[in-house]
Amino acid sequence: MTTSQYLAAAVQFEPTMGDTEGNVSRLLELTADAATRGADLVVLPEMATTGYCWSSREEIAPFVETIPGPTIERFCALAAERQVWIVVGMPEVDGETGAYYNSAALVGPEGVRGTYRKTHAFITEVRWATDGDLGLPVFETPLGRLGILICMDAEYPETARVLALQGCDVVCFPTNWLGEHSPSPFWMQRAYENGAFWVAANRYGLERGVQFSGGSAVIGPDGRIRDLVDSGDGIAMAAVDLSLARQERADRLRRRRPDHYRDVSLNSYLWPSVHTRAPNDGGALDALGAPSEPTAVTLVAVPPWLSDVSILERTSEDLLKLHPALVVLPPLAAPSIEAELTDAAAKSGRMLDQLQDLARHHDTLIVTSAPLLEEGCVFDAVVLLRPDGGRVVHRNTHPRGGRSWARPGGSVPPVERTPVGLVGLLAADELLPPEPLRGVAARGAEFVAVSGGLEGPAVVGVPATSIPLPDRSPRSADPEHWILPRVRAAESNVWLALAATGDCPSGIYGPSFYRFPRHEALARSAAAVLELRADPSDRDRRTALEKPYLRMRLPHLYGPLTWNRVTDGDGSLPQ
């Protein structure tokens, strides 16, 4: 029988490297403490039994164990005694093949329920661990459907999405997170976009010169922190409500368009000319695999209160004298009732003509969104206006809430070749699911222009941390710690220019992980302007061109993203 509400605990702990006995004894104490306080589910950190920073397979060899094995049997005994479920992070050896894995065992009152082997390796375990070969499973338990991801897995939106498509209620997340103030925005993003509870058990302390960031937390399906531990050994604990998770997950998955997500499982961005040259171009092979050199680019994102064309014209002396390569405007009109649609579409058409003149006069690309009336159907359209008079129109494929008047578009978001590079177009609604932007990035977009209404989530802040993070990482309270489009830009290595109504700040977000100060410009009291130099050595420019994090994806695991099946335990969610 499934327990619909219970307490979940994330244990924060600093292991001593190589002291398995001492580590396991302390972990058992912390787990028993969590159970005494009422926890039914306890998640322990990544590699908690041994420490993390091993330099070779030979060095870690004395500490790997099978699952089940001596260490796991001790946790099985505690689970049976206290009637608790435990996720244990540890180095595993396969008894048949001898391969080593960075693994987590799911242990319940009746013994080992399952094992997950980390699939997306970080720089440390690549020296000794094989990529996980058990896929991305979800385990049926009396506590609901539990999924497990480990640390860097969370930087790839596909991993948690595959779990959600299998009906995952709670993601158990052993981690050794570092390099930023935690709880990480990536944890919040994964929880929110999939409507799942996220139980993140991190370590703290210094090991072989590596400072881990603590901040263990339980995060709700709205992306908000329910409880956290900043530094030191401790337990973050909060209630899990399975009905809430299932309601939130249904909302996130209901509007999926899996037939539009084929590009997510492709690596065509590795061959830049695939999307920029004709197949029969005799010189195409000469350019394959060689990203173009960056050019100097000025990006402008205009906040909603400057959306009217007349206002833009009055401010053009300030904005357009910069000779921006790309200007992104918020929606030109936002009809709220069906009777307004025809008038709104007509007004938008006139405004688009005026903007086309501005694009031509200032030799710039302008992107905006507007209602588009075609053969009796109204679409929420994103329009790219070229200075030569050309237009590219993209129809929002995932309209939500305030755009219930819009018919979903039938084509994937475009990636256009322009004088400044490859530019992708998205409606703001298309930022909420991870797949649309991911597909645009996989087709090589360096810049992504986003316009429309973005209804949630609100920005989430975090308190100050006492963890001695590297000097480049902010330790003070951060009221804008998690902003959804910021994570979207970073996880897909694109420059994202957002001009939208809603709770997320309009602005220009950069393509790099853990860069402090962040390379971004937010539109607070005026338009956001960001000037990018034509410097091939600039890290952020190369990141957007070469997309190092996309190169480390494992697309063979992401097939479920393109399927029409979405399970929710007892049946299917509506598509």
Protein backbone atom coordinates (compact mmCIF):
# COMPACT_ATOMS: atom_id res chain seq x y z
CA MET A 1 0.00 0.00 0.00
CA THR A 2 1.33 3.44 -0.94
CA THR A 3 1.75 6.08 1.75
CA SER A 4 0.49 9.33 0.23
CA GLN A 5 2.20 11.67 2.70
CA TYR A 6 5.42 11.17 4.63
CA LEU A 7 8.67 12.83 5.67
CA ALA A 8 11.77 12.71 3.48
CA ALA A 9 15.24 13.51 4.79
CA ALA A 10 18.45 14.60 3.05
CA VAL A 11 21.51 13.82 5.17
CA GLN A 12 24.50 16.15 4.89
CA PHE A 13 27.80 14.56 5.85
CA GLU A 14 31.55 14.96 5.35
CA PRO A 15 33.17 11.56 4.83
CA THR A 16 36.79 10.87 5.66
CA MET A 17 38.51 9.62 2.56
CA GLY A 18 39.22 5.90 2.76
CA ASP A 19 37.71 5.40 6.23
CA THR A 20 34.82 3.16 5.25
CA GLU A 21 34.19 1.87 8.77
CA GLY A 22 34.11 5.33 10.33
CA ASN A 23 32.00 6.78 7.53
CA VAL A 24 29.45 3.98 7.56
CA SER A 25 29.11 4.07 11.34
CA ARG A 26 28.41 7.82 11.27
CA LEU A 27 25.99 7.48 8.34
CA LEU A 28 24.05 4.82 10.23
CA GLU A 29 23.83 7.19 13.21
CA LEU A 30 22.53 10.04 11.04
CA THR A 31 20.05 7.74 9.29
CA ALA A 32 18.76 6.43 12.62
CA ASP A 33 18.42 10.02 13.85
CA ALA A 34 16.35 10.93 10.77
CA ALA A 35 14.14 7.87 11.34
CA THR A 36 13.67 8.82 14.99
CA ARG A 37 12.51 12.24 13.83
CA GLY A 38 9.90 10.58 11.64
CA ALA A 39 11.58 10.21 8.25
CA ASP A 40 10.34 7.37 6.05
CA LEU A 41 12.85 8.12 3.27
CA VAL A 42 16.50 9.01 3.94
CA VAL A 43 18.94 9.99 1.19
CA LEU A 44 22.71 9.95 1.84
CA PRO A 45 25.37 11.83 -0.19
CA GLU A 46 27.22 10.58 -3.26
CA MET A 47 30.19 8.30 -2.47
CA ALA A 48 29.35 8.82 1.20
CA THR A 49 30.96 5.58 2.39
CA THR A 50 34.46 6.31 1.04
CA GLY A 51 34.99 9.91 0.00
CA TYR A 52 35.09 11.15 -3.56
CA CYS A 53 38.34 12.47 -5.07
CA TRP A 54 40.03 9.24 -6.09
CA SER A 55 42.79 9.54 -8.66
CA SER A 56 42.73 6.11 -10.29
CA ARG A 57 41.08 2.72 -10.47
CA GLU A 58 44.03 1.26 -8.56
CA GLU A 59 43.65 3.75 -5.69
CA ILE A 60 39.95 3.12 -5.14
CA ALA A 61 40.15 -0.65 -5.65
CA PRO A 62 40.38 -1.54 -1.92
CA PHE A 63 37.14 0.36 -1.22
CA VAL A 64 34.70 -0.78 -3.91
CA GLU A 65 31.99 -3.27 -2.95
CA THR A 66 29.22 -5.22 -4.59
CA ILE A 67 25.56 -4.36 -4.10
CA PRO A 68 24.42 -6.22 -2.01
CA GLY A 69 27.63 -6.47 -0.03
CA PRO A 70 28.95 -5.96 3.51
CA THR A 71 28.18 -2.23 3.70
CA ILE A 72 24.73 -2.46 2.17
CA GLU A 73 23.82 -5.33 4.49
CA ARG A 74 24.33 -2.99 7.45
CA PHE A 75 21.92 -0.48 5.94
CA CYS A 76 19.46 -3.27 5.15
CA ALA A 77 19.47 -4.23 8.84
CA LEU A 78 18.77 -0.65 9.89
CA ALA A 79 16.02 -0.30 7.26
CA ALA A 80 14.33 -3.44 8.56
CA GLU A 81 14.66 -2.38 12.20
CA ARG A 82 13.35 1.17 11.66
CA GLN A 83 11.00 0.47 8.73
CA VAL A 84 12.69 3.16 6.65
CA TRP A 85 13.85 3.47 3.04
CA ILE A 86 17.48 4.54 2.48
CA VAL A 87 19.44 5.64 -0.60
CA VAL A 88 23.16 4.98 -0.12
CA GLY A 89 25.84 6.51 -2.37
CA MET A 90 28.96 4.35 -2.75
CA PRO A 91 31.55 2.99 -5.21
CA GLU A 92 30.34 -0.32 -6.65
CA VAL A 93 32.14 -3.19 -8.33
CA ASP A 94 30.20 -5.50 -10.62
CA GLY A 95 30.86 -9.00 -9.31
CA GLU A 96 30.79 -10.52 -12.80
CA THR A 97 32.57 -7.96 -15.00
CA GLY A 98 34.85 -6.25 -12.47
CA ALA A 99 33.71 -2.83 -13.73
CA TYR A 100 33.59 0.00 -11.19
CA TYR A 101 30.62 2.39 -10.93
CA ASN A 102 29.63 5.47 -8.96
CA SER A 103 26.37 4.02 -7.66
CA ALA A 104 23.47 4.42 -5.27
CA ALA A 105 21.54 1.56 -3.71
CA LEU A 106 17.88 1.82 -2.78
CA VAL A 107 17.36 -0.16 0.42
CA GLY A 108 14.02 -0.88 2.07
CA PRO A 109 12.72 -2.89 5.01
CA GLU A 110 12.83 -6.06 2.90
CA GLY A 111 16.33 -5.52 1.51
CA VAL A 112 17.82 -4.03 -1.66
CA ARG A 113 15.09 -2.75 -3.97
CA GLY A 114 17.37 -1.55 -6.76
CA THR A 115 20.61 0.07 -7.87
CA TYR A 116 21.31 3.12 -9.98
CA ARG A 117 24.70 3.67 -11.63
CA LYS A 118 25.61 7.28 -12.42
CA THR A 119 25.35 7.87 -16.16
CA HIS A 120 26.81 11.37 -16.68
CA ALA A 121 30.31 11.41 -15.18
CA PHE A 122 32.14 14.38 -13.68
CA ILE A 123 35.84 15.08 -14.05
CA THR A 124 36.85 13.04 -10.98
CA GLU A 125 35.19 9.67 -11.48
CA VAL A 126 36.16 9.44 -15.15
CA ARG A 127 39.53 8.30 -13.81
CA TRP A 128 38.06 5.11 -12.39
CA ALA A 129 34.32 4.68 -13.00
CA THR A 130 32.47 3.29 -16.00
CA ASP A 131 29.35 5.15 -17.18
CA GLY A 132 26.25 3.54 -15.71
CA ASP A 133 24.64 0.75 -17.72
CA LEU A 134 21.31 0.35 -15.88
CA GLY A 135 19.55 3.25 -17.60
CA LEU A 136 17.34 5.69 -15.71
CA PRO A 137 14.98 3.45 -13.71
CA VAL A 138 12.06 4.36 -11.47
CA PHE A 139 11.29 2.07 -8.54
CA GLU A 140 7.79 1.25 -7.29
CA THR A 141 7.72 1.48 -3.47
CA PRO A 142 5.19 2.09 -0.69
CA LEU A 143 6.53 5.68 -0.74
CA GLY A 144 5.52 6.17 -4.36
CA ARG A 145 7.64 5.99 -7.47
CA LEU A 146 11.24 6.82 -6.57
CA GLY A 147 13.92 7.78 -9.06
CA ILE A 148 17.63 8.25 -8.39
CA LEU A 149 20.06 10.63 -10.06
CA ILE A 150 23.61 11.36 -8.94
CA CYS A 151 25.24 14.81 -8.97
CA MET A 152 26.17 15.82 -12.53
CA ASP A 153 23.19 13.90 -13.91
CA ALA A 154 21.11 16.92 -12.81
CA GLU A 155 22.91 19.25 -15.22
CA TYR A 156 21.24 17.42 -18.11
CA PRO A 157 17.49 18.11 -18.24
CA GLU A 158 16.89 14.88 -20.13
CA THR A 159 17.70 12.67 -17.12
CA ALA A 160 14.99 13.92 -14.76
CA ARG A 161 12.58 14.21 -17.69
CA VAL A 162 12.97 10.52 -18.48
CA LEU A 163 12.16 9.78 -14.83
CA ALA A 164 9.08 12.03 -14.97
CA LEU A 165 7.82 10.21 -18.05
CA GLN A 166 7.89 7.04 -15.96
CA GLY A 167 5.77 8.69 -13.28
CA CYS A 168 8.52 9.58 -10.82
CA ASP A 169 7.17 11.26 -7.68
CA VAL A 170 10.42 11.82 -5.78
CA VAL A 171 13.95 12.17 -7.12
CA CYS A 172 16.52 10.92 -4.62
CA PHE A 173 19.68 12.88 -5.32
CA PRO A 174 22.99 11.87 -3.71
CA THR A 175 25.53 14.49 -4.74
CA ASN A 176 29.00 15.93 -4.12
CA TRP A 177 28.13 19.37 -5.52
CA LEU A 178 30.75 22.09 -5.73
CA GLY A 179 31.55 25.40 -7.37
CA GLU A 180 28.42 27.35 -6.45
CA HIS A 181 26.15 28.42 -3.63
CA SER A 182 23.79 25.53 -2.85
CA PRO A 183 21.00 24.44 -3.04
CA SER A 184 21.82 24.71 -6.73
CA PRO A 185 19.44 26.37 -9.20
CA PHE A 186 19.79 23.19 -11.26
CA TRP A 187 18.13 21.17 -8.50
CA MET A 188 15.26 23.66 -8.33
CA GLN A 189 14.85 23.67 -12.09
CA ARG A 190 14.73 19.88 -12.34
CA ALA A 191 12.14 19.69 -9.54
CA TYR A 192 9.94 22.39 -11.04
CA GLU A 193 9.97 21.36 -14.68
CA ASN A 194 9.01 17.78 -13.80
CA GLY A 195 6.67 18.39 -10.86
CA ALA A 196 8.69 16.17 -8.53
CA PHE A 197 9.98 16.40 -4.99
CA TRP A 198 13.77 16.58 -4.98
CA VAL A 199 15.72 15.22 -1.99
CA ALA A 200 19.30 16.47 -2.39
CA ALA A 201 21.92 15.07 0.00
CA ASN A 202 25.23 16.89 -0.47
CA ARG A 203 28.53 16.80 1.37
CA TYR A 204 30.55 19.75 2.65
CA GLY A 205 34.20 20.21 3.60
CA LEU A 206 37.51 20.16 1.76
CA GLU A 207 38.92 17.02 0.16
CA ARG A 208 42.20 17.06 -1.80
CA GLY A 209 41.78 20.78 -2.40
CA VAL A 210 38.17 20.51 -3.57
CA GLN A 211 35.63 22.56 -1.62
CA PHE A 212 32.16 21.02 -1.55
CA SER A 213 29.19 23.33 -1.16
CA GLY A 214 26.76 21.74 1.33
CA GLY A 215 23.27 23.20 1.08
CA SER A 216 21.49 19.84 1.29
CA ALA A 217 17.75 20.36 0.82
CA VAL A 218 14.30 19.02 0.19
CA ILE A 219 12.76 20.93 -2.73
CA GLY A 220 9.10 20.88 -3.67
CA PRO A 221 7.58 20.35 -7.12
CA ASP A 222 7.21 24.14 -7.40
CA GLY A 223 11.00 24.48 -7.23
CA ARG A 224 10.92 26.11 -3.80
CA ILE A 225 13.09 25.01 -0.87
CA ARG A 226 11.15 23.21 1.86
CA ASP A 227 14.11 22.75 4.22
CA LEU A 228 17.89 23.01 3.98
CA VAL A 229 21.14 22.52 5.87
CA ASP A 230 23.87 25.01 5.05
CA SER A 231 27.09 23.60 6.54
CA GLY A 232 28.12 20.76 8.85
CA ASP A 233 26.58 17.37 9.47
CA GLY A 234 22.83 17.69 9.52
CA ILE A 235 19.45 16.63 8.20
CA ALA A 236 17.09 18.58 5.95
CA MET A 237 13.58 17.20 6.36
CA ALA A 238 10.23 18.05 4.82
CA ALA A 239 6.88 16.50 3.99
CA VAL A 240 6.29 14.74 0.67
CA ASP A 241 2.76 14.82 -0.72
CA LEU A 242 2.38 12.34 -3.57
CA SER A 243 -0.95 13.77 -4.72
CA LEU A 244 0.65 17.20 -5.09
CA ALA A 245 3.58 15.76 -7.04
CA ARG A 246 1.24 13.88 -9.38
CA GLN A 247 -0.92 16.94 -9.92
CA GLU A 248 2.12 19.11 -10.68
CA ARG A 249 3.67 16.47 -12.94
CA ALA A 250 0.44 16.13 -14.91
CA ASP A 251 0.43 19.89 -15.46
CA ARG A 252 4.04 19.90 -16.68
CA LEU A 253 3.62 16.96 -19.05
CA ARG A 254 0.13 17.58 -20.41
CA ARG A 255 1.22 19.90 -23.22
CA ARG A 256 4.20 17.86 -24.38
CA ARG A 257 4.75 17.56 -28.14
CA PRO A 258 7.03 14.50 -28.36
CA ASP A 259 6.84 14.50 -32.16
CA HIS A 260 8.67 17.85 -31.98
CA TYR A 261 11.55 16.60 -29.82
CA ARG A 262 13.50 14.42 -32.24
CA ASP A 263 16.41 16.87 -32.33
CA VAL A 264 16.99 16.37 -28.59
CA SER A 265 18.45 12.92 -29.30
CA LEU A 266 20.63 14.11 -32.19
CA ASN A 267 24.19 15.42 -32.23
CA SER A 268 23.94 17.45 -35.42
CA TYR A 269 25.43 20.54 -33.73
CA LEU A 270 28.78 18.72 -33.82
CA TRP A 271 28.71 19.22 -37.61
CA PRO A 272 27.86 22.91 -38.03
CA SER A 273 27.22 22.79 -41.76
CA VAL A 274 24.43 20.21 -41.40
CA HIS A 275 21.91 23.00 -40.81
CA THR A 276 23.61 25.83 -42.70
CA ARG A 277 24.59 24.39 -46.08
CA ALA A 278 22.76 22.50 -48.77
CA PRO A 279 23.37 18.71 -48.81
CA ASN A 280 24.82 18.88 -52.32
CA ASP A 281 27.20 21.72 -51.54
CA GLY A 282 30.53 20.52 -52.82
CA GLY A 283 32.43 22.46 -50.17
CA ALA A 284 30.36 21.29 -47.23
CA LEU A 285 32.84 18.71 -46.01
CA ASP A 286 35.51 21.36 -45.72
CA ALA A 287 33.55 23.10 -42.97
CA LEU A 288 32.23 20.11 -41.06
CA GLY A 289 33.34 20.06 -37.44
CA ALA A 290 34.89 23.53 -37.57
CA PRO A 291 32.77 26.15 -35.75
CA SER A 292 32.91 29.62 -37.22
CA GLU A 293 34.87 32.36 -35.52
CA PRO A 294 32.74 34.72 -33.41
CA THR A 295 31.98 38.21 -34.64
CA ALA A 296 31.36 41.28 -32.50
CA VAL A 297 27.68 41.32 -31.49
CA THR A 298 25.53 43.69 -29.44
CA LEU A 299 22.34 42.16 -28.06
CA VAL A 300 19.36 44.12 -26.75
CA ALA A 301 16.39 42.72 -24.80
CA VAL A 302 13.55 45.19 -24.21
CA PRO A 303 11.39 44.81 -21.06
CA PRO A 304 7.57 44.76 -21.31
CA TRP A 305 7.04 48.40 -20.39
CA LEU A 306 8.92 49.45 -23.54
CA SER A 307 6.99 47.18 -25.89
CA ASP A 308 4.97 49.76 -27.80
CA VAL A 309 6.52 50.72 -31.15
CA SER A 310 6.15 54.43 -30.48
CA ILE A 311 8.13 54.06 -27.27
CA LEU A 312 10.77 52.06 -29.12
CA GLU A 313 11.02 54.84 -31.71
CA ARG A 314 11.47 57.44 -28.98
CA THR A 315 14.24 55.40 -27.40
CA SER A 316 15.83 54.32 -30.69
CA GLU A 317 18.48 57.01 -30.40
CA ASP A 318 19.71 55.34 -27.24
CA LEU A 319 19.20 51.72 -28.24
CA LEU A 320 19.85 51.64 -31.95
CA LYS A 321 22.83 53.99 -31.96
CA LEU A 322 24.66 51.01 -30.50
CA HIS A 323 24.14 49.28 -33.84
CA PRO A 324 22.83 46.14 -32.17
CA ALA A 325 22.93 42.94 -34.15
CA LEU A 326 19.76 41.65 -32.49
CA VAL A 327 16.92 43.44 -30.70
CA VAL A 328 14.29 41.31 -28.94
CA LEU A 329 10.95 42.87 -28.02
CA PRO A 330 8.15 41.54 -25.78
CA PRO A 331 4.67 40.82 -27.22
CA LEU A 332 3.13 43.56 -29.33
CA ALA A 333 -0.37 42.64 -28.13
CA ALA A 334 -1.85 40.34 -25.52
CA PRO A 335 -5.54 39.72 -26.17
CA SER A 336 -7.42 38.28 -23.20
CA ILE A 337 -10.73 37.39 -24.82
CA GLU A 338 -11.67 35.91 -28.17
CA ALA A 339 -13.46 39.08 -29.31
CA GLU A 340 -10.15 40.98 -29.19
CA LEU A 341 -8.25 38.57 -31.43
CA THR A 342 -9.04 40.07 -34.83
CA ASP A 343 -8.30 43.63 -33.71
CA ALA A 344 -5.12 42.53 -31.93
CA ALA A 345 -3.86 40.64 -34.97
CA ALA A 346 -4.57 43.63 -37.24
CA LYS A 347 -2.84 46.06 -34.88
CA SER A 348 0.12 43.72 -34.59
CA GLY A 349 0.38 43.51 -38.37
CA ARG A 350 0.67 47.28 -38.62
CA MET A 351 3.26 47.37 -35.85
CA LEU A 352 5.29 44.63 -37.52
CA ASP A 353 5.42 46.74 -40.68
CA GLN A 354 6.79 49.65 -38.65
CA LEU A 355 9.35 47.42 -37.01
CA GLN A 356 10.39 46.08 -40.40
CA ASP A 357 11.19 49.66 -41.42
CA LEU A 358 13.29 50.08 -38.27
CA ALA A 359 15.15 46.84 -38.98
CA ARG A 360 15.92 48.02 -42.49
CA HIS A 361 16.90 51.55 -41.45
CA HIS A 362 19.21 50.42 -38.64
CA ASP A 363 20.47 47.24 -40.34
CA THR A 364 19.53 45.07 -37.40
CA LEU A 365 17.57 41.91 -36.67
CA ILE A 366 14.38 42.49 -34.65
CA VAL A 367 12.40 39.73 -32.95
CA THR A 368 8.99 40.11 -31.34
CA SER A 369 5.77 38.15 -30.84
CA ALA A 370 2.20 38.88 -31.79
CA PRO A 371 -1.18 37.23 -32.52
CA LEU A 372 -1.20 35.91 -36.08
CA LEU A 373 -4.49 35.26 -37.91
CA GLU A 374 -4.25 32.64 -40.67
CA GLU A 375 -7.22 31.04 -42.41
CA GLY A 376 -9.50 31.51 -39.43
CA CYS A 377 -6.92 30.26 -36.88
CA VAL A 378 -5.04 32.46 -34.44
CA PHE A 379 -1.48 31.60 -33.48
CA ASP A 380 0.88 33.09 -30.93
CA ALA A 381 3.69 33.87 -33.34
CA VAL A 382 7.33 34.83 -32.85
CA VAL A 383 8.61 36.87 -35.79
CA LEU A 384 12.17 37.55 -36.91
CA LEU A 385 12.40 40.69 -39.03
CA ARG A 386 15.45 40.92 -41.26
CA PRO A 387 16.91 44.20 -42.53
CA ASP A 388 16.50 42.96 -46.10
CA GLY A 389 12.73 42.77 -45.64
CA GLY A 390 12.57 39.05 -45.02
CA ARG A 391 10.50 37.57 -42.20
CA VAL A 392 10.71 34.27 -40.35
CA VAL A 393 7.57 33.27 -38.46
CA HIS A 394 7.44 30.64 -35.71
CA ARG A 395 4.11 29.60 -34.20
CA ASN A 396 4.18 28.81 -30.48
CA THR A 397 3.99 25.03 -30.07
CA HIS A 398 3.24 25.06 -26.30
CA PRO A 399 0.75 27.91 -25.64
CA ARG A 400 -0.35 28.14 -22.00
CA GLY A 401 -2.61 30.08 -19.67
CA GLY A 402 -3.00 33.58 -21.02
CA ARG A 403 -2.57 32.31 -24.55
CA SER A 404 -5.43 29.82 -24.44
CA TRP A 405 -6.73 31.62 -27.54
CA ALA A 406 -3.76 30.37 -29.56
CA ARG A 407 -3.75 27.25 -31.68
CA PRO A 408 -0.50 25.25 -31.14
CA GLY A 409 1.94 25.58 -33.99
CA GLY A 410 2.84 22.56 -36.07
CA SER A 411 6.56 23.08 -36.71
CA VAL A 412 9.64 22.87 -34.51
CA PRO A 413 11.28 26.17 -33.54
CA PRO A 414 13.49 27.41 -36.37
CA VAL A 415 17.24 28.00 -36.37
CA GLU A 416 18.16 30.70 -38.88
CA ARG A 417 21.48 31.53 -40.43
CA THR A 418 22.14 35.28 -40.02
CA PRO A 419 25.17 37.55 -40.41
CA VAL A 420 25.87 37.19 -36.67
CA GLY A 421 25.57 33.40 -36.57
CA LEU A 422 22.85 30.83 -36.02
CA VAL A 423 19.80 32.33 -34.29
CA GLY A 424 16.99 30.21 -32.85
CA LEU A 425 13.46 31.48 -32.21
CA LEU A 426 11.26 30.46 -29.28
CA ALA A 427 8.01 31.60 -27.74
CA ALA A 428 8.39 32.27 -24.03
CA ASP A 429 6.00 29.39 -23.22
CA GLU A 430 8.49 27.07 -24.89
CA LEU A 431 11.06 27.76 -22.15
CA LEU A 432 8.98 25.95 -19.52
CA PRO A 433 9.51 22.43 -20.88
CA PRO A 434 13.21 21.64 -21.42
CA GLU A 435 12.88 20.02 -24.84
CA PRO A 436 12.22 22.97 -27.24
CA LEU A 437 15.36 24.96 -26.35
CA ARG A 438 17.38 21.77 -26.13
CA GLY A 439 16.40 20.90 -29.69
CA VAL A 440 17.32 24.39 -30.93
CA ALA A 441 20.72 24.14 -29.22
CA ALA A 442 21.30 20.67 -30.65
CA ARG A 443 20.89 22.19 -34.10
CA GLY A 444 23.73 24.59 -33.39
CA ALA A 445 22.08 27.86 -32.35
CA GLU A 446 24.52 30.26 -30.73
CA PHE A 447 21.83 32.87 -29.99
CA VAL A 448 18.21 32.22 -29.05
CA ALA A 449 15.65 35.04 -29.18
CA VAL A 450 12.60 34.53 -26.95
CA SER A 451 9.47 36.69 -26.86
CA GLY A 452 6.02 36.25 -25.32
CA GLY A 453 4.41 35.67 -21.95
CA LEU A 454 6.25 33.54 -19.38
CA GLU A 455 3.83 32.47 -16.68
CA GLY A 456 6.04 31.12 -13.91
CA PRO A 457 8.00 30.22 -12.03
CA ALA A 458 8.81 33.15 -9.79
CA VAL A 459 12.44 33.90 -8.98
CA VAL A 460 13.71 32.09 -5.84
CA GLY A 461 16.41 33.40 -3.51
CA VAL A 462 18.67 31.71 -0.97
CA PRO A 463 20.17 32.87 2.35
CA ALA A 464 23.86 33.48 2.83
CA THR A 465 26.15 30.48 3.19
CA SER A 466 28.96 29.90 5.66
CA ILE A 467 30.66 27.43 3.29
CA PRO A 468 34.07 28.88 2.27
CA LEU A 469 33.32 28.77 -1.44
CA PRO A 470 36.00 29.90 -3.91
CA ASP A 471 36.34 33.67 -4.11
CA ARG A 472 34.61 33.75 -7.48
CA SER A 473 31.43 32.22 -6.02
CA PRO A 474 29.04 34.53 -4.14
CA ARG A 475 28.42 33.56 -0.51
CA SER A 476 25.99 36.29 0.48
CA ALA A 477 22.21 36.02 0.39
CA ASP A 478 21.08 35.95 -3.24
CA PRO A 479 17.49 37.08 -3.96
CA GLU A 480 17.83 35.98 -7.61
CA HIS A 481 19.53 32.63 -7.13
CA TRP A 482 17.20 30.66 -9.39
CA ILE A 483 15.86 32.23 -12.58
CA LEU A 484 14.50 29.66 -15.03
CA PRO A 485 15.83 31.23 -18.28
CA ARG A 486 19.29 31.63 -16.72
CA VAL A 487 19.51 27.87 -16.16
CA ARG A 488 18.06 27.20 -19.62
CA ALA A 489 20.80 29.27 -21.27
CA ALA A 490 23.59 27.66 -19.24
CA GLU A 491 22.49 24.04 -19.57
CA SER A 492 22.29 24.35 -23.37
CA ASN A 493 25.29 26.67 -23.89
CA VAL A 494 23.42 29.48 -25.71
CA TRP A 495 23.10 33.24 -25.44
CA LEU A 496 19.41 33.63 -24.54
CA ALA A 497 17.79 37.03 -25.13
CA LEU A 498 14.41 37.12 -23.39
CA ALA A 499 11.78 39.86 -23.72
CA ALA A 500 8.66 38.66 -21.95
CA THR A 501 5.84 39.50 -19.63
CA GLY A 502 5.62 37.51 -16.39
CA ASP A 503 7.65 36.88 -13.25
CA CYS A 504 11.03 36.07 -14.83
CA PRO A 505 13.22 39.10 -15.58
CA SER A 506 13.69 39.96 -19.22
CA GLY A 507 17.33 40.17 -20.19
CA ILE A 508 20.25 38.41 -21.81
CA TYR A 509 21.54 35.25 -20.15
CA GLY A 510 24.93 33.70 -20.82
CA PRO A 511 25.97 30.19 -21.90
CA SER A 512 28.47 29.25 -19.18
CA PHE A 513 28.12 27.23 -15.99
CA TYR A 514 29.40 28.60 -12.68
CA ARG A 515 30.73 31.84 -14.13
CA PHE A 516 30.91 34.57 -11.48
CA PRO A 517 30.26 37.36 -11.95
CA ARG A 518 27.62 36.08 -14.34
CA HIS A 519 27.93 37.20 -17.95
CA GLU A 520 24.40 38.51 -18.30
CA ALA A 521 22.37 41.72 -18.45
CA LEU A 522 18.93 41.94 -16.82
CA ALA A 523 16.33 44.49 -17.93
CA ARG A 524 15.53 46.12 -14.60
CA SER A 525 14.83 49.80 -15.19
CA ALA A 526 15.80 49.93 -18.86
CA ALA A 527 16.53 47.66 -21.78
CA ALA A 528 19.26 45.06 -21.26
CA VAL A 529 22.31 45.56 -23.47
CA LEU A 530 25.19 43.13 -23.77
CA GLU A 531 28.18 43.66 -26.04
CA LEU A 532 30.08 40.54 -27.12
CA ARG A 533 33.55 41.01 -28.52
CA ALA A 534 34.87 39.26 -31.59
CA ASP A 535 37.43 37.36 -29.55
CA PRO A 536 37.96 33.67 -30.36
CA SER A 537 39.70 33.21 -27.00
CA ASP A 538 36.72 34.49 -25.02
CA ARG A 539 35.48 31.53 -22.97
CA ASP A 540 31.79 32.38 -23.20
CA ARG A 541 31.88 32.92 -26.97
CA ARG A 542 33.58 29.56 -27.50
CA THR A 543 31.17 27.87 -25.12
CA ALA A 544 28.16 28.99 -27.16
CA LEU A 545 29.81 27.88 -30.40
CA GLU A 546 31.26 24.57 -29.27
CA LYS A 547 28.67 23.58 -26.62
CA PRO A 548 30.85 21.46 -24.33
CA TYR A 549 27.99 20.34 -22.08
CA LEU A 550 25.92 19.13 -25.02
CA ARG A 551 28.94 17.13 -26.14
CA MET A 552 28.78 15.17 -22.89
CA ARG A 553 25.14 14.18 -23.25
CA LEU A 554 24.20 10.52 -23.66
CA PRO A 555 21.42 10.70 -26.27
CA HIS A 556 20.95 6.94 -26.38
CA LEU A 557 19.29 7.26 -22.96
CA TYR A 558 16.85 9.96 -24.06
CA GLY A 559 14.59 7.98 -26.40
CA PRO A 560 11.56 8.21 -24.08
CA LEU A 561 11.47 11.98 -24.65
CA THR A 562 10.21 11.33 -28.18
CA TRP A 563 7.60 8.72 -27.22
CA ASN A 564 3.91 9.37 -26.72
CA ARG A 565 3.72 7.21 -23.61
CA VAL A 566 3.53 8.98 -20.25
CA THR A 567 2.85 6.75 -17.26
CA ASP A 568 1.43 7.78 -13.93
CA GLY A 569 1.37 4.55 -12.03
CA ASP A 570 -2.20 3.51 -12.81
CA GLY A 571 -2.46 4.81 -16.36
CA SER A 572 -1.63 7.49 -18.87
CA LEU A 573 -1.65 11.24 -18.61
CA PRO A 574 -3.46 13.12 -21.38
CA GLN A 575 -1.33 14.33 -24.25
